[in-house]
């Protein structure tokens, strides 16, 4: 992701990644997730993407994230690091819990903030 990405672009990416994780969780039952590598890989990939977007957004637009902490909930970036670097010790229950609890919240926050940005842009015209 380039230096020149706007907040709006990051928010769209975050919303789309969160929606993808939420859809995968909805279609992958807990047992399949816990016992089948193919049942968890896609969700783990989505967690990596969400965590990376949160890291990049914070690095490039830290002031915005400070005023909207719902975009970087506790555990999201660390879950990304666990999946990427701790592949041999992944706690699937923890990853699933983050996917179930945090992805929809982050997606809804990004969507709401996108709406706010669009509304403010329309008002300024």
C-alpha atoms as a PDB file:
ATOM      1  CA  UNK A   1       0.000   0.000   0.000  1.00  0.00           C
ATOM      2  CA  UNK A   2       1.451   3.285  -1.059  1.00  0.00           C
ATOM      3  CA  UNK A   3       2.192   6.354   1.007  1.00  0.00           C
ATOM      4  CA  UNK A   4      -0.392   8.323  -0.942  1.00  0.00           C
ATOM      5  CA  UNK A   5      -3.427   6.241   0.001  1.00  0.00           C
ATOM      6  CA  UNK A   6      -6.197   8.382   1.377  1.00  0.00           C
ATOM      7  CA  UNK A   7      -8.108   7.731   4.558  1.00  0.00           C
ATOM      8  CA  UNK A   8     -11.116   6.958   2.385  1.00  0.00           C
ATOM      9  CA  UNK A   9      -9.189   4.282   0.460  1.00  0.00           C
ATOM     10  CA  UNK A  10      -8.000   2.665   3.684  1.00  0.00           C
ATOM     11  CA  UNK A  11     -11.552   2.724   5.075  1.00  0.00           C
ATOM     12  CA  UNK A  12     -12.910   1.043   1.937  1.00  0.00           C
ATOM     13  CA  UNK A  13     -10.201  -1.627   2.136  1.00  0.00           C
ATOM     14  CA  UNK A  14     -10.925  -2.152   5.829  1.00  0.00           C
ATOM     15  CA  UNK A  15     -14.678  -2.418   5.312  1.00  0.00           C
ATOM     16  CA  UNK A  16     -14.256  -4.879   2.445  1.00  0.00           C
ATOM     17  CA  UNK A  17     -11.760  -7.047   4.349  1.00  0.00           C
ATOM     18  CA  UNK A  18     -13.958  -7.058   7.456  1.00  0.00           C
ATOM     19  CA  UNK A  19     -17.010  -7.981   5.392  1.00  0.00           C
ATOM     20  CA  UNK A  20     -15.029 -10.813   3.811  1.00  0.00           C
ATOM     21  CA  UNK A  21     -13.996 -12.168   7.210  1.00  0.00           C
ATOM     22  CA  UNK A  22     -17.559 -11.869   8.527  1.00  0.00           C
ATOM     23  CA  UNK A  23     -18.910 -13.758   5.502  1.00  0.00           C
ATOM     24  CA  UNK A  24     -16.306 -16.495   5.893  1.00  0.00           C
ATOM     25  CA  UNK A  25     -17.113 -16.883   9.594  1.00  0.00           C
ATOM     26  CA  UNK A  26     -20.818 -17.084   8.774  1.00  0.00           C
ATOM     27  CA  UNK A  27     -20.215 -19.917   6.296  1.00  0.00           C
ATOM     28  CA  UNK A  28     -17.565 -21.870   8.229  1.00  0.00           C
ATOM     29  CA  UNK A  29     -18.849 -23.679  11.286  1.00  0.00           C
ATOM     30  CA  UNK A  30     -16.729 -23.713  14.425  1.00  0.00           C
ATOM     31  CA  UNK A  31     -15.784 -27.396  14.149  1.00  0.00           C
ATOM     32  CA  UNK A  32     -14.543 -27.031  10.573  1.00  0.00           C
ATOM     33  CA  UNK A  33     -12.582 -23.944  11.536  1.00  0.00           C
ATOM     34  CA  UNK A  34     -10.994 -25.659  14.520  1.00  0.00           C
ATOM     35  CA  UNK A  35     -10.101 -28.959  12.828  1.00  0.00           C
ATOM     36  CA  UNK A  36      -9.511 -28.272   9.147  1.00  0.00           C
ATOM     37  CA  UNK A  37      -6.617 -26.192   7.854  1.00  0.00           C
ATOM     38  CA  UNK A  38      -8.645 -25.254   4.792  1.00  0.00           C
ATOM     39  CA  UNK A  39     -11.473 -24.219   7.079  1.00  0.00           C
ATOM     40  CA  UNK A  40      -9.275 -21.676   8.825  1.00  0.00           C
ATOM     41  CA  UNK A  41      -6.796 -20.457   6.200  1.00  0.00           C
ATOM     42  CA  UNK A  42      -9.157 -18.067   4.453  1.00  0.00           C
ATOM     43  CA  UNK A  43     -10.254 -16.520   7.752  1.00  0.00           C
ATOM     44  CA  UNK A  44      -6.643 -16.301   8.908  1.00  0.00           C
ATOM     45  CA  UNK A  45      -5.777 -14.571   5.613  1.00  0.00           C
ATOM     46  CA  UNK A  46      -8.571 -12.079   6.239  1.00  0.00           C
ATOM     47  CA  UNK A  47      -7.241 -11.411   9.754  1.00  0.00           C
ATOM     48  CA  UNK A  48      -3.786 -10.789   8.256  1.00  0.00           C
ATOM     49  CA  UNK A  49      -5.284  -8.334   5.789  1.00  0.00           C
ATOM     50  CA  UNK A  50      -7.304  -6.489   8.454  1.00  0.00           C
ATOM     51  CA  UNK A  51      -4.300  -6.272  10.750  1.00  0.00           C
ATOM     52  CA  UNK A  52      -2.085  -4.991   7.950  1.00  0.00           C
ATOM     53  CA  UNK A  53      -4.626  -2.355   6.940  1.00  0.00           C
ATOM     54  CA  UNK A  54      -4.845  -1.238  10.585  1.00  0.00           C
ATOM     55  CA  UNK A  55      -1.032  -1.029  10.769  1.00  0.00           C
ATOM     56  CA  UNK A  56      -0.757   0.936   7.531  1.00  0.00           C
ATOM     57  CA  UNK A  57      -3.626   3.256   8.421  1.00  0.00           C
ATOM     58  CA  UNK A  58      -2.020   3.998  11.796  1.00  0.00           C
ATOM     59  CA  UNK A  59       1.397   4.562  10.171  1.00  0.00           C
ATOM     60  CA  UNK A  60       0.056   6.921   7.503  1.00  0.00           C
ATOM     61  CA  UNK A  61      -2.876   8.589   9.264  1.00  0.00           C
ATOM     62  CA  UNK A  62      -2.148   8.119  12.968  1.00  0.00           C
ATOM     63  CA  UNK A  63      -4.031  11.235  14.071  1.00  0.00           C
ATOM     64  CA  UNK A  64      -7.190   9.944  12.387  1.00  0.00           C
ATOM     65  CA  UNK A  65      -6.866   6.547  14.085  1.00  0.00           C
ATOM     66  CA  UNK A  66      -6.307   8.257  17.449  1.00  0.00           C
ATOM     67  CA  UNK A  67      -9.673  10.013  17.050  1.00  0.00           C
ATOM     68  CA  UNK A  68     -11.325   6.784  15.811  1.00  0.00           C
ATOM     69  CA  UNK A  69      -9.884   3.958  17.946  1.00  0.00           C
ATOM     70  CA  UNK A  70     -12.674   1.633  16.807  1.00  0.00           C
ATOM     71  CA  UNK A  71     -10.619   1.204  13.602  1.00  0.00           C
ATOM     72  CA  UNK A  72      -7.797  -0.427  15.552  1.00  0.00           C
ATOM     73  CA  UNK A  73      -9.385  -2.510  18.308  1.00  0.00           C
ATOM     74  CA  UNK A  74      -7.152  -4.298  20.801  1.00  0.00           C
ATOM     75  CA  UNK A  75      -6.033  -7.622  19.398  1.00  0.00           C
ATOM     76  CA  UNK A  76      -6.444  -6.923  15.686  1.00  0.00           C
ATOM     77  CA  UNK A  77      -2.822  -6.076  14.879  1.00  0.00           C
ATOM     78  CA  UNK A  78      -1.471  -8.652  17.321  1.00  0.00           C
ATOM     79  CA  UNK A  79      -3.681 -11.325  15.720  1.00  0.00           C
ATOM     80  CA  UNK A  80      -2.109 -10.434  12.378  1.00  0.00           C
ATOM     81  CA  UNK A  81       1.359 -10.869  13.886  1.00  0.00           C
ATOM     82  CA  UNK A  82       0.441 -14.180  15.491  1.00  0.00           C
ATOM     83  CA  UNK A  83      -0.846 -15.604  12.214  1.00  0.00           C
ATOM     84  CA  UNK A  84       2.117 -14.298  10.197  1.00  0.00           C
ATOM     85  CA  UNK A  85       4.966 -15.020  12.606  1.00  0.00           C
ATOM     86  CA  UNK A  86       3.632 -17.618  15.016  1.00  0.00           C
ATOM     87  CA  UNK A  87       2.187 -20.039  12.508  1.00  0.00           C
ATOM     88  CA  UNK A  88       3.283 -23.045  14.560  1.00  0.00           C
ATOM     89  CA  UNK A  89       1.537 -21.805  17.684  1.00  0.00           C
ATOM     90  CA  UNK A  90      -1.676 -20.316  16.328  1.00  0.00           C
ATOM     91  CA  UNK A  91      -4.512 -20.497  18.817  1.00  0.00           C
ATOM     92  CA  UNK A  92      -7.395 -21.091  16.422  1.00  0.00           C
ATOM     93  CA  UNK A  93     -10.004 -20.404  19.085  1.00  0.00           C
ATOM     94  CA  UNK A  94      -8.488 -16.952  19.670  1.00  0.00           C
ATOM     95  CA  UNK A  95      -8.310 -16.202  15.940  1.00  0.00           C
ATOM     96  CA  UNK A  96     -11.938 -17.259  15.487  1.00  0.00           C
ATOM     97  CA  UNK A  97     -12.993 -15.152  18.468  1.00  0.00           C
ATOM     98  CA  UNK A  98     -11.275 -12.103  16.950  1.00  0.00           C
ATOM     99  CA  UNK A  99     -12.888 -12.809  13.584  1.00  0.00           C
ATOM    100  CA  UNK A 100     -16.337 -13.167  15.147  1.00  0.00           C
ATOM    101  CA  UNK A 101     -16.098 -10.255  17.595  1.00  0.00           C
ATOM    102  CA  UNK A 102     -13.869  -7.661  15.958  1.00  0.00           C
ATOM    103  CA  UNK A 103     -14.250  -7.949  12.175  1.00  0.00           C
ATOM    104  CA  UNK A 104     -17.935  -6.935  12.093  1.00  0.00           C
ATOM    105  CA  UNK A 105     -17.277  -4.046  14.493  1.00  0.00           C
ATOM    106  CA  UNK A 106     -14.348  -2.760  12.438  1.00  0.00           C
ATOM    107  CA  UNK A 107     -16.321  -3.148   9.208  1.00  0.00           C
ATOM    108  CA  UNK A 108     -19.298  -1.237  10.606  1.00  0.00           C
ATOM    109  CA  UNK A 109     -17.017   1.517  11.936  1.00  0.00           C
ATOM    110  CA  UNK A 110     -15.271   1.887   8.579  1.00  0.00           C
ATOM    111  CA  UNK A 111     -18.604   1.950   6.763  1.00  0.00           C
ATOM    112  CA  UNK A 112     -19.985   4.595   9.126  1.00  0.00           C
ATOM    113  CA  UNK A 113     -16.879   6.756   8.752  1.00  0.00           C
ATOM    114  CA  UNK A 114     -17.046   6.445   4.963  1.00  0.00           C
ATOM    115  CA  UNK A 115     -20.622   7.706   5.128  1.00  0.00           C
ATOM    116  CA  UNK A 116     -19.505  10.609   7.349  1.00  0.00           C
ATOM    117  CA  UNK A 117     -16.744  11.515   4.883  1.00  0.00           C
ATOM    118  CA  UNK A 118     -19.174  11.422   1.955  1.00  0.00           C
ATOM    119  CA  UNK A 119     -21.749  13.484   3.850  1.00  0.00           C
ATOM    120  CA  UNK A 120     -19.164  16.090   4.856  1.00  0.00           C
ATOM    121  CA  UNK A 121     -17.908  16.270   1.274  1.00  0.00           C
ATOM    122  CA  UNK A 122     -21.460  16.853   0.026  1.00  0.00           C
ATOM    123  CA  UNK A 123     -22.034  19.557   2.657  1.00  0.00           C
ATOM    124  CA  UNK A 124     -18.832  21.351   1.637  1.00  0.00           C
ATOM    125  CA  UNK A 125     -19.967  21.630  -1.996  1.00  0.00           C
END
